[in-house]
C-alpha atoms as a PDB file:
ATOM      1  CA  MET A   1      -7.772   4.477 -17.693  1.00  0.00           C
ATOM      2  CA  THR A   2      -7.773   1.477 -18.186  1.00  0.00           C
ATOM      3  CA  VAL A   3      -5.006  -1.082 -17.128  1.00  0.00           C
ATOM      4  CA  ASN A   4      -3.808  -3.374 -19.719  1.00  0.00           C
ATOM      5  CA  ALA A   5      -3.918  -6.876 -17.639  1.00  0.00           C
ATOM      6  CA  THR A   6      -1.241  -9.490 -17.514  1.00  0.00           C
ATOM      7  CA  PRO A   7      -1.501 -12.976 -18.605  1.00  0.00           C
ATOM      8  CA  THR A   8      -1.421 -14.495 -15.131  1.00  0.00           C
ATOM      9  CA  LEU A   9      -0.451 -12.102 -11.964  1.00  0.00           C
ATOM     10  CA  LYS A  10       1.851 -14.879  -9.902  1.00  0.00           C
ATOM     11  CA  ARG A  11       3.622 -12.240  -7.131  1.00  0.00           C
ATOM     12  CA  ILE A  12       2.943  -8.727  -5.134  1.00  0.00           C
ATOM     13  CA  SER A  13       6.104  -7.515  -3.756  1.00  0.00           C
ATOM     14  CA  ILE A  14       5.455  -4.903  -0.677  1.00  0.00           C
ATOM     15  CA  LEU A  15       8.460  -2.439   0.070  1.00  0.00           C
ATOM     16  CA  ALA A  16       9.326  -1.088   3.372  1.00  0.00           C
ATOM     17  CA  THR A  17      12.040   1.071   4.921  1.00  0.00           C
ATOM     18  CA  ASP A  18      11.854   1.915   8.357  1.00  0.00           C
ATOM     19  CA  GLY A  19       9.258   4.306   9.541  1.00  0.00           C
ATOM     20  CA  VAL A  20       6.554   3.153   7.050  1.00  0.00           C
ATOM     21  CA  PHE A  21       2.892   2.848   9.133  1.00  0.00           C
ATOM     22  CA  ALA A  22       2.444  -0.964  10.167  1.00  0.00           C
ATOM     23  CA  SER A  23      -1.135  -0.724   9.160  1.00  0.00           C
ATOM     24  CA  THR A  24      -0.464   0.111   5.703  1.00  0.00           C
ATOM     25  CA  LEU A  25       2.428  -2.707   4.907  1.00  0.00           C
ATOM     26  CA  LEU A  26       0.641  -6.009   7.690  1.00  0.00           C
ATOM     27  CA  LEU A  27      -3.011  -4.878   5.962  1.00  0.00           C
ATOM     28  CA  ALA A  28      -2.238  -4.728   1.966  1.00  0.00           C
ATOM     29  CA  LYS A  29      -1.037  -7.599   2.888  1.00  0.00           C
ATOM     30  CA  ASP A  30      -3.652  -9.364   4.482  1.00  0.00           C
ATOM     31  CA  PHE A  31      -6.244  -8.369   2.398  1.00  0.00           C
ATOM     32  CA  PHE A  32      -3.511 -10.068  -0.573  1.00  0.00           C
ATOM     33  CA  GLN A  33      -3.382 -12.657   1.108  1.00  0.00           C
ATOM     34  CA  MET A  34      -7.145 -13.319   1.638  1.00  0.00           C
ATOM     35  CA  ALA A  35      -7.241 -12.274  -2.348  1.00  0.00           C
ATOM     36  CA  SER A  36      -5.248 -15.112  -3.026  1.00  0.00           C
ATOM     37  CA  LEU A  37      -6.555 -17.957  -1.006  1.00  0.00           C
ATOM     38  CA  ARG A  38     -10.028 -17.163  -2.471  1.00  0.00           C
ATOM     39  CA  PHE A  39      -9.392 -16.845  -5.705  1.00  0.00           C
ATOM     40  CA  GLY A  40      -7.257 -20.093  -5.487  1.00  0.00           C
ATOM     41  CA  ARG A  41     -10.120 -22.338  -4.489  1.00  0.00           C
ATOM     42  CA  LYS A  42     -10.032 -25.354  -6.687  1.00  0.00           C
ATOM     43  CA  GLN A  43     -12.551 -28.068  -6.248  1.00  0.00           C
ATOM     44  CA  GLY A  44     -11.711 -30.984  -3.870  1.00  0.00           C
ATOM     45  CA  GLN A  45      -8.995 -28.670  -3.162  1.00  0.00           C
ATOM     46  CA  GLY A  46     -10.594 -26.666  -0.379  1.00  0.00           C
ATOM     47  CA  LEU A  47      -8.342 -22.621  -0.077  1.00  0.00           C
ATOM     48  CA  LEU A  48      -5.097 -22.531  -2.301  1.00  0.00           C
ATOM     49  CA  PRO A  49      -2.605 -18.920  -2.871  1.00  0.00           C
ATOM     50  CA  ALA A  50      -3.645 -18.325  -6.325  1.00  0.00           C
ATOM     51  CA  PHE A  51      -0.136 -16.014  -5.976  1.00  0.00           C
ATOM     52  CA  GLU A  52       2.662 -15.155  -2.904  1.00  0.00           C
ATOM     53  CA  ILE A  53       2.599 -12.764  -1.062  1.00  0.00           C
ATOM     54  CA  HIS A  54       6.310 -10.680   0.304  1.00  0.00           C
ATOM     55  CA  LEU A  55       7.159  -8.359   2.447  1.00  0.00           C
ATOM     56  CA  VAL A  56      10.470  -6.890   1.206  1.00  0.00           C
ATOM     57  CA  SER A  57      13.199  -4.155   2.929  1.00  0.00           C
ATOM     58  CA  PRO A  58      16.078  -2.534   0.604  1.00  0.00           C
ATOM     59  CA  ASP A  59      18.378  -4.567   2.868  1.00  0.00           C
ATOM     60  CA  GLY A  60      16.246  -7.766   3.479  1.00  0.00           C
ATOM     61  CA  LEU A  61      16.124  -6.731   7.537  1.00  0.00           C
ATOM     62  CA  GLY A  62      13.005  -6.264   9.569  1.00  0.00           C
ATOM     63  CA  VAL A  63      11.449  -3.750   9.131  1.00  0.00           C
ATOM     64  CA  ARG A  64      11.357  -0.727  12.150  1.00  0.00           C
ATOM     65  CA  THR A  65       8.292   0.204  11.753  1.00  0.00           C
ATOM     66  CA  PHE A  66       6.535   4.334  13.195  1.00  0.00           C
ATOM     67  CA  SER A  67       4.745   3.059  16.580  1.00  0.00           C
ATOM     68  CA  ASP A  68       8.173   0.949  16.718  1.00  0.00           C
ATOM     69  CA  VAL A  69       7.370  -2.821  15.829  1.00  0.00           C
ATOM     70  CA  VAL A  70       9.834  -4.444  14.544  1.00  0.00           C
ATOM     71  CA  ILE A  71       8.043  -6.168  11.707  1.00  0.00           C
ATOM     72  CA  PRO A  72      10.153  -8.847   9.089  1.00  0.00           C
ATOM     73  CA  VAL A  73      10.683  -9.188   5.865  1.00  0.00           C
ATOM     74  CA  ASP A  74      11.010 -12.897   4.109  1.00  0.00           C
ATOM     75  CA  GLY A  75      12.030 -12.380   0.042  1.00  0.00           C
ATOM     76  CA  GLY A  76      12.605  -9.688  -3.312  1.00  0.00           C
ATOM     77  CA  LEU A  77      11.708  -7.926  -5.815  1.00  0.00           C
ATOM     78  CA  ASN A  78      12.297 -10.895  -8.245  1.00  0.00           C
ATOM     79  CA  ASP A  79       9.476 -11.551 -10.629  1.00  0.00           C
ATOM     80  CA  ALA A  80       7.230  -9.150  -8.875  1.00  0.00           C
ATOM     81  CA  ASP A  81       3.571  -8.548 -10.987  1.00  0.00           C
ATOM     82  CA  LEU A  82       3.068  -5.649  -8.784  1.00  0.00           C
ATOM     83  CA  ILE A  83       5.416  -3.359  -5.758  1.00  0.00           C
ATOM     84  CA  ILE A  84       4.267  -1.433  -4.038  1.00  0.00           C
ATOM     85  CA  LEU A  85       5.611   1.462  -1.982  1.00  0.00           C
ATOM     86  CA  PRO A  86       4.412   1.750   1.274  1.00  0.00           C
ATOM     87  CA  GLY A  87       3.857   5.274   4.207  1.00  0.00           C
ATOM     88  CA  SER A  88       7.025   6.590   6.340  1.00  0.00           C
ATOM     89  CA  LYS A  89       7.088   9.156   8.404  1.00  0.00           C
ATOM     90  CA  ALA A  90      10.454  10.544   7.024  1.00  0.00           C
ATOM     91  CA  THR A  91      10.146  10.308   2.900  1.00  0.00           C
ATOM     92  CA  ILE A  92      13.833  11.805   1.957  1.00  0.00           C
ATOM     93  CA  ALA A  93      15.386  10.020   4.383  1.00  0.00           C
ATOM     94  CA  ASP A  94      13.902   7.225   3.837  1.00  0.00           C
ATOM     95  CA  LEU A  95      14.619   7.489  -0.058  1.00  0.00           C
ATOM     96  CA  ALA A  96      17.917   8.151   0.818  1.00  0.00           C
ATOM     97  CA  HIS A  97      18.215   4.179   2.411  1.00  0.00           C
ATOM     98  CA  PHE A  98      16.343   2.659  -0.410  1.00  0.00           C
ATOM     99  CA  ARG A  99      18.465   4.344  -2.629  1.00  0.00           C
ATOM    100  CA  ALA A 100      22.476   3.319  -0.563  1.00  0.00           C
ATOM    101  CA  GLN A 101      21.029   0.052  -1.219  1.00  0.00           C
ATOM    102  CA  GLY A 102      21.088   0.154  -4.169  1.00  0.00           C
ATOM    103  CA  TRP A 103      16.752  -0.855  -4.692  1.00  0.00           C
ATOM    104  CA  ASP A 104      16.262   1.915  -7.229  1.00  0.00           C
ATOM    105  CA  ILE A 105      18.190  -0.067  -9.550  1.00  0.00           C
ATOM    106  CA  ASP A 106      15.645  -3.474  -8.383  1.00  0.00           C
ATOM    107  CA  LEU A 107      12.943  -1.741  -8.940  1.00  0.00           C
ATOM    108  CA  ALA A 108      13.646  -0.062 -12.261  1.00  0.00           C
ATOM    109  CA  ALA A 109      14.755  -3.408 -12.782  1.00  0.00           C
ATOM    110  CA  ALA A 110      11.987  -5.090 -12.019  1.00  0.00           C
ATOM    111  CA  MET A 111      10.431  -2.138 -13.400  1.00  0.00           C
ATOM    112  CA  ARG A 112      11.837  -3.420 -17.399  1.00  0.00           C
ATOM    113  CA  ARG A 113      10.325  -6.667 -16.420  1.00  0.00           C
ATOM    114  CA  GLY A 114       7.067  -5.786 -16.005  1.00  0.00           C
ATOM    115  CA  ALA A 115       6.426  -5.161 -12.666  1.00  0.00           C
ATOM    116  CA  ARG A 116       3.840  -2.603 -11.839  1.00  0.00           C
ATOM    117  CA  VAL A 117       4.275   0.166  -9.116  1.00  0.00           C
ATOM    118  CA  LEU A 118       2.096   1.588  -5.923  1.00  0.00           C
ATOM    119  CA  GLY A 119       3.113   4.045  -4.208  1.00  0.00           C
ATOM    120  CA  VAL A 120       0.951   5.392  -1.405  1.00  0.00           C
ATOM    121  CA  CYS A 121       1.670   8.392   0.936  1.00  0.00           C
ATOM    122  CA  GLY A 122       5.800   8.340   1.823  1.00  0.00           C
ATOM    123  CA  GLY A 123       5.506   6.249  -1.528  1.00  0.00           C
ATOM    124  CA  TYR A 124       3.679   7.865  -3.087  1.00  0.00           C
ATOM    125  CA  GLN A 125       6.107  10.964  -3.033  1.00  0.00           C
ATOM    126  CA  MET A 126       8.941   8.879  -3.241  1.00  0.00           C
ATOM    127  CA  LEU A 127       7.302   7.744  -6.576  1.00  0.00           C
ATOM    128  CA  GLY A 128       7.881  11.804  -8.273  1.00  0.00           C
ATOM    129  CA  ARG A 129      10.316  13.606  -9.865  1.00  0.00           C
ATOM    130  CA  GLU A 130      11.635  15.659  -6.509  1.00  0.00           C
ATOM    131  CA  ILE A 131      10.795  15.924  -3.259  1.00  0.00           C
ATOM    132  CA  ALA A 132      11.193  19.277  -1.723  1.00  0.00           C
ATOM    133  CA  ASP A 133      11.481  21.236   1.146  1.00  0.00           C
ATOM    134  CA  PRO A 134      12.147  23.654   1.677  1.00  0.00           C
ATOM    135  CA  ASP A 135      11.128  24.462   5.702  1.00  0.00           C
ATOM    136  CA  GLY A 136      12.623  21.825   6.838  1.00  0.00           C
ATOM    137  CA  ILE A 137       9.908  20.086   8.052  1.00  0.00           C
ATOM    138  CA  GLU A 138      11.706  16.300   7.513  1.00  0.00           C
ATOM    139  CA  GLY A 139      14.568  17.365   9.328  1.00  0.00           C
ATOM    140  CA  LYS A 140      17.309  20.261   7.216  1.00  0.00           C
ATOM    141  CA  PRO A 141      16.017  21.978   4.658  1.00  0.00           C
ATOM    142  CA  ASP A 142      16.886  20.598   1.626  1.00  0.00           C
ATOM    143  CA  SER A 143      15.589  19.323  -2.170  1.00  0.00           C
ATOM    144  CA  VAL A 144      15.399  15.516  -3.197  1.00  0.00           C
ATOM    145  CA  SER A 145      15.002  13.987  -7.061  1.00  0.00           C
ATOM    146  CA  GLY A 146      12.254  11.769  -6.468  1.00  0.00           C
ATOM    147  CA  LEU A 147      12.883   7.689  -8.226  1.00  0.00           C
ATOM    148  CA  GLY A 148      11.610   9.841 -11.336  1.00  0.00           C
ATOM    149  CA  VAL A 149       8.604   7.297 -12.291  1.00  0.00           C
ATOM    150  CA  LEU A 150       5.603   9.440 -11.820  1.00  0.00           C
ATOM    151  CA  ASP A 151       5.413  13.434 -13.636  1.00  0.00           C
ATOM    152  CA  ILE A 152       4.586  14.713 -10.571  1.00  0.00           C
ATOM    153  CA  THR A 153       6.461  17.419  -7.230  1.00  0.00           C
ATOM    154  CA  THR A 154       5.803  16.923  -3.964  1.00  0.00           C
ATOM    155  CA  VAL A 155       6.426  20.238  -2.375  1.00  0.00           C
ATOM    156  CA  MET A 156       6.565  19.561   1.952  1.00  0.00           C
ATOM    157  CA  THR A 157       4.019  21.553   3.791  1.00  0.00           C
ATOM    158  CA  ALA A 158       3.510  22.110   7.812  1.00  0.00           C
ATOM    159  CA  ASP A 159      -0.148  21.338   7.824  1.00  0.00           C
ATOM    160  CA  LYS A 160      -0.556  18.407   8.106  1.00  0.00           C
ATOM    161  CA  ARG A 161      -4.272  16.881   6.683  1.00  0.00           C
ATOM    162  CA  VAL A 162      -5.166  13.923   7.903  1.00  0.00           C
ATOM    163  CA  THR A 163      -9.037  13.238   7.188  1.00  0.00           C
ATOM    164  CA  GLU A 164     -11.564  10.332   5.924  1.00  0.00           C
ATOM    165  CA  THR A 165     -11.794  10.494   1.803  1.00  0.00           C
ATOM    166  CA  ALA A 166     -14.863   8.733   0.257  1.00  0.00           C
ATOM    167  CA  ALA A 167     -13.086   8.726  -3.618  1.00  0.00           C
ATOM    168  CA  LEU A 168     -13.749   6.870  -6.769  1.00  0.00           C
ATOM    169  CA  HIS A 169     -11.746   5.036  -9.389  1.00  0.00           C
ATOM    170  CA  PRO A 170     -12.254   6.229 -12.765  1.00  0.00           C
ATOM    171  CA  ALA A 171     -10.768   2.926 -14.231  1.00  0.00           C
ATOM    172  CA  SER A 172     -13.766   0.584 -12.870  1.00  0.00           C
ATOM    173  CA  GLY A 173     -16.114   2.525 -11.125  1.00  0.00           C
ATOM    174  CA  THR A 174     -15.838   1.398  -7.763  1.00  0.00           C
ATOM    175  CA  ARG A 175     -15.425   3.845  -5.148  1.00  0.00           C
ATOM    176  CA  VAL A 176     -13.104   3.691  -1.894  1.00  0.00           C
ATOM    177  CA  THR A 177     -13.083   5.180   1.236  1.00  0.00           C
ATOM    178  CA  GLY A 178      -9.954   5.587   3.163  1.00  0.00           C
ATOM    179  CA  TYR A 179      -8.674   8.496   5.178  1.00  0.00           C
ATOM    180  CA  GLU A 180      -5.659  10.660   4.646  1.00  0.00           C
ATOM    181  CA  ILE A 181      -2.214  11.190   6.617  1.00  0.00           C
ATOM    182  CA  HIS A 182       0.337  13.624   5.694  1.00  0.00           C
ATOM    183  CA  LEU A 183       2.382  16.313   5.201  1.00  0.00           C
ATOM    184  CA  GLY A 184       2.886  17.808   2.057  1.00  0.00           C
ATOM    185  CA  ARG A 185       0.790  18.059  -1.452  1.00  0.00           C
ATOM    186  CA  SER A 186       2.057  17.057  -5.085  1.00  0.00           C
ATOM    187  CA  ASP A 187       0.875  18.179  -7.838  1.00  0.00           C
ATOM    188  CA  GLY A 188       2.187  17.937 -11.736  1.00  0.00           C
ATOM    189  CA  PRO A 189       1.692  16.135 -16.003  1.00  0.00           C
ATOM    190  CA  ASP A 190       0.458  12.619 -14.156  1.00  0.00           C
ATOM    191  CA  ARG A 191      -2.240  14.294 -12.189  1.00  0.00           C
ATOM    192  CA  ASP A 192      -3.755  15.209 -15.201  1.00  0.00           C
ATOM    193  CA  SER A 193      -4.778  11.108 -15.028  1.00  0.00           C
ATOM    194  CA  PRO A 194      -5.400  10.433 -11.137  1.00  0.00           C
ATOM    195  CA  MET A 195      -5.848   6.683  -9.361  1.00  0.00           C
ATOM    196  CA  PHE A 196      -8.795   9.059  -8.163  1.00  0.00           C
ATOM    197  CA  THR A 197     -11.604  10.939  -7.456  1.00  0.00           C
ATOM    198  CA  VAL A 198     -12.777  13.223  -4.810  1.00  0.00           C
ATOM    199  CA  GLU A 199     -15.357  15.635  -5.678  1.00  0.00           C
ATOM    200  CA  GLY A 200     -14.432  14.855  -9.375  1.00  0.00           C
ATOM    201  CA  LYS A 201     -11.159  16.232  -8.106  1.00  0.00           C
ATOM    202  CA  PRO A 202      -7.674  14.946  -8.153  1.00  0.00           C
ATOM    203  CA  GLU A 203      -6.924  12.732  -5.923  1.00  0.00           C
ATOM    204  CA  GLY A 204      -3.379  11.072  -6.998  1.00  0.00           C
ATOM    205  CA  ALA A 205      -1.403   9.791 -10.740  1.00  0.00           C
ATOM    206  CA  MET A 206      -1.368   8.077 -12.725  1.00  0.00           C
ATOM    207  CA  ARG A 207       1.151   7.171 -15.902  1.00  0.00           C
ATOM    208  CA  ALA A 208      -0.153   7.332 -19.371  1.00  0.00           C
ATOM    209  CA  ASP A 209       0.509   4.236 -19.314  1.00  0.00           C
ATOM    210  CA  GLY A 210      -1.087   2.908 -15.730  1.00  0.00           C
ATOM    211  CA  ARG A 211       2.235   0.682 -14.984  1.00  0.00           C
ATOM    212  CA  VAL A 212       3.023   3.180 -12.429  1.00  0.00           C
ATOM    213  CA  MET A 213      -0.431   5.010 -10.025  1.00  0.00           C
ATOM    214  CA  GLY A 214      -0.276   7.202  -6.540  1.00  0.00           C
ATOM    215  CA  SER A 215      -2.050   7.465  -4.337  1.00  0.00           C
ATOM    216  CA  TYR A 216      -2.454   8.764  -0.602  1.00  0.00           C
ATOM    217  CA  LEU A 217      -5.383   7.156  -0.025  1.00  0.00           C
ATOM    218  CA  HIS A 218      -5.148   4.662   3.191  1.00  0.00           C
ATOM    219  CA  GLY A 219      -7.031   1.830   3.181  1.00  0.00           C
ATOM    220  CA  MET A 220      -7.779   1.843   0.431  1.00  0.00           C
ATOM    221  CA  PHE A 221      -8.053  -2.579  -0.389  1.00  0.00           C
ATOM    222  CA  THR A 222     -11.181  -2.865   2.258  1.00  0.00           C
ATOM    223  CA  GLU A 223     -13.034  -2.321  -0.298  1.00  0.00           C
ATOM    224  CA  ASP A 224     -14.120  -5.367  -1.601  1.00  0.00           C
ATOM    225  CA  ALA A 225     -15.389  -3.790  -4.813  1.00  0.00           C
ATOM    226  CA  PHE A 226     -12.298  -1.608  -5.380  1.00  0.00           C
ATOM    227  CA  ARG A 227      -9.841  -4.946  -4.963  1.00  0.00           C
ATOM    228  CA  ARG A 228     -11.151  -7.383  -7.204  1.00  0.00           C
ATOM    229  CA  ALA A 229     -11.223  -4.558 -10.018  1.00  0.00           C
ATOM    230  CA  PHE A 230      -7.753  -3.400  -8.970  1.00  0.00           C
ATOM    231  CA  LEU A 231      -6.294  -7.378  -8.788  1.00  0.00           C
ATOM    232  CA  ALA A 232      -8.037  -8.184 -12.600  1.00  0.00           C
ATOM    233  CA  GLY A 233      -6.049  -4.783 -13.694  1.00  0.00           C
ATOM    234  CA  LEU A 234      -3.953  -7.442 -13.084  1.00  0.00           C
ATOM    235  CA  GLY A 235      -4.142 -10.414 -14.321  1.00  0.00           C
ATOM    236  CA  ALA A 236      -5.761 -12.568 -11.287  1.00  0.00           C
ATOM    237  CA  THR A 237      -9.462 -14.148 -11.234  1.00  0.00           C
ATOM    238  CA  PRO A 238     -11.963 -11.725  -9.227  1.00  0.00           C
ATOM    239  CA  GLY A 239     -13.241 -13.650  -5.797  1.00  0.00           C
ATOM    240  CA  ASN A 240     -16.254 -13.370  -3.215  1.00  0.00           C
ATOM    241  CA  ALA A 241     -13.854 -12.163  -0.580  1.00  0.00           C
ATOM    242  CA  SER A 242     -15.346 -10.630   1.605  1.00  0.00           C
ATOM    243  CA  TYR A 243     -13.261  -7.822   3.827  1.00  0.00           C
ATOM    244  CA  GLY A 244     -16.033  -7.215   6.243  1.00  0.00           C
ATOM    245  CA  SER A 245     -17.072 -11.189   6.782  1.00  0.00           C
ATOM    246  CA  VAL A 246     -13.651 -11.754   7.911  1.00  0.00           C
ATOM    247  CA  VAL A 247     -12.957  -9.238   9.796  1.00  0.00           C
ATOM    248  CA  GLU A 248     -16.567  -9.950  11.641  1.00  0.00           C
ATOM    249  CA  GLU A 249     -15.289 -14.252  11.926  1.00  0.00           C
ATOM    250  CA  THR A 250     -11.923 -12.951  12.885  1.00  0.00           C
ATOM    251  CA  LEU A 251     -12.650 -10.927  15.933  1.00  0.00           C
ATOM    252  CA  ASP A 252     -16.002 -13.027  17.152  1.00  0.00           C
ATOM    253  CA  ALA A 253     -12.980 -16.469  16.341  1.00  0.00           C
ATOM    254  CA  LEU A 254     -11.095 -13.965  18.866  1.00  0.00           C
ATOM    255  CA  ALA A 255     -13.721 -14.271  21.667  1.00  0.00           C
ATOM    256  CA  GLY A 256     -14.881 -17.250  21.206  1.00  0.00           C
ATOM    257  CA  HIS A 257     -10.683 -17.703  22.175  1.00  0.00           C
ATOM    258  CA  LEU A 258     -10.531 -15.759  25.001  1.00  0.00           C
ATOM    259  CA  ALA A 259     -14.167 -16.414  26.105  1.00  0.00           C
ATOM    260  CA  GLU A 260     -12.674 -20.502  26.807  1.00  0.00           C
ATOM    261  CA  HIS A 261      -9.341 -19.355  28.167  1.00  0.00           C
ATOM    262  CA  VAL A 262      -9.108 -16.050  30.078  1.00  0.00           C
ATOM    263  CA  ASP A 263     -11.800 -15.341  33.214  1.00  0.00           C
ATOM    264  CA  CYS A 264     -13.204 -12.248  32.018  1.00  0.00           C
ATOM    265  CA  ARG A 265     -15.656 -11.329  35.036  1.00  0.00           C
ATOM    266  CA  ARG A 266     -12.347 -11.496  36.978  1.00  0.00           C
ATOM    267  CA  LEU A 267     -10.904  -8.991  34.514  1.00  0.00           C
ATOM    268  CA  LEU A 268     -13.714  -7.267  34.474  1.00  0.00           C
ATOM    269  CA  GLU A 269     -13.170  -7.035  38.254  1.00  0.00           C
ATOM    270  CA  LEU A 270      -9.922  -6.235  38.550  1.00  0.00           C
ATOM    271  CA  ALA A 271     -10.542  -2.813  36.365  1.00  0.00           C
ATOM    272  CA  LYS A 272     -13.581  -1.578  38.700  1.00  0.00           C
ATOM    273  CA  GLY A 273     -11.121  -1.580  41.352  1.00  0.00           C
END
């Protein structure tokens, strides 16, 4: 299924609650920041941002990640063209906090204005109709209503899925390689139009109109061809940003900085005792 393009992609809001995985949150922002700069290139003006990327939280305060690191936030959902809900450590508890801050109302309002929504891992589970935890995997046994924008239900199970996954994005024909690390299994009618397929089987889900989608796959935006196709579907003009090249350039710059300012030979001597 092809997502109808918007005229122009102007703003991406990456929405997180406490317990989010820092890698998902920061890498998503970095991928889109990189893409924004590439797309914004104009002759004689260097690299210009073509769209805004904001980290946001329900209460406007910094987000405490799963690894207990506080990450500052810098915006809200106003005028967002794409809202991303990353994964979290405790889906039901984070969803309760999400609602307590009134962000379920803000999310619904943003969607009425035309925003698309992508949920990853725990964020994907939150988008469904129900999250059931009959065995108390995350706390006391419970069953709660989800945000109800994807027609799926999730049941928490004791078996944790941790695996590298290679998938196909049917809408663009591009392939991605990422990883899964989650409790629970999700199923429902919207999985008949999955975001990805893995060996011909559905992975994730997408609403019939293509405006809400979800996946358990972390790291999907490291794949250049998929990222370009995904952004093109949102109205951005694909550029030539290369994730691998940017990583290599960043590591080379870091190595050069360390070589200039740190006595690496002495550090190795100390490490050897």
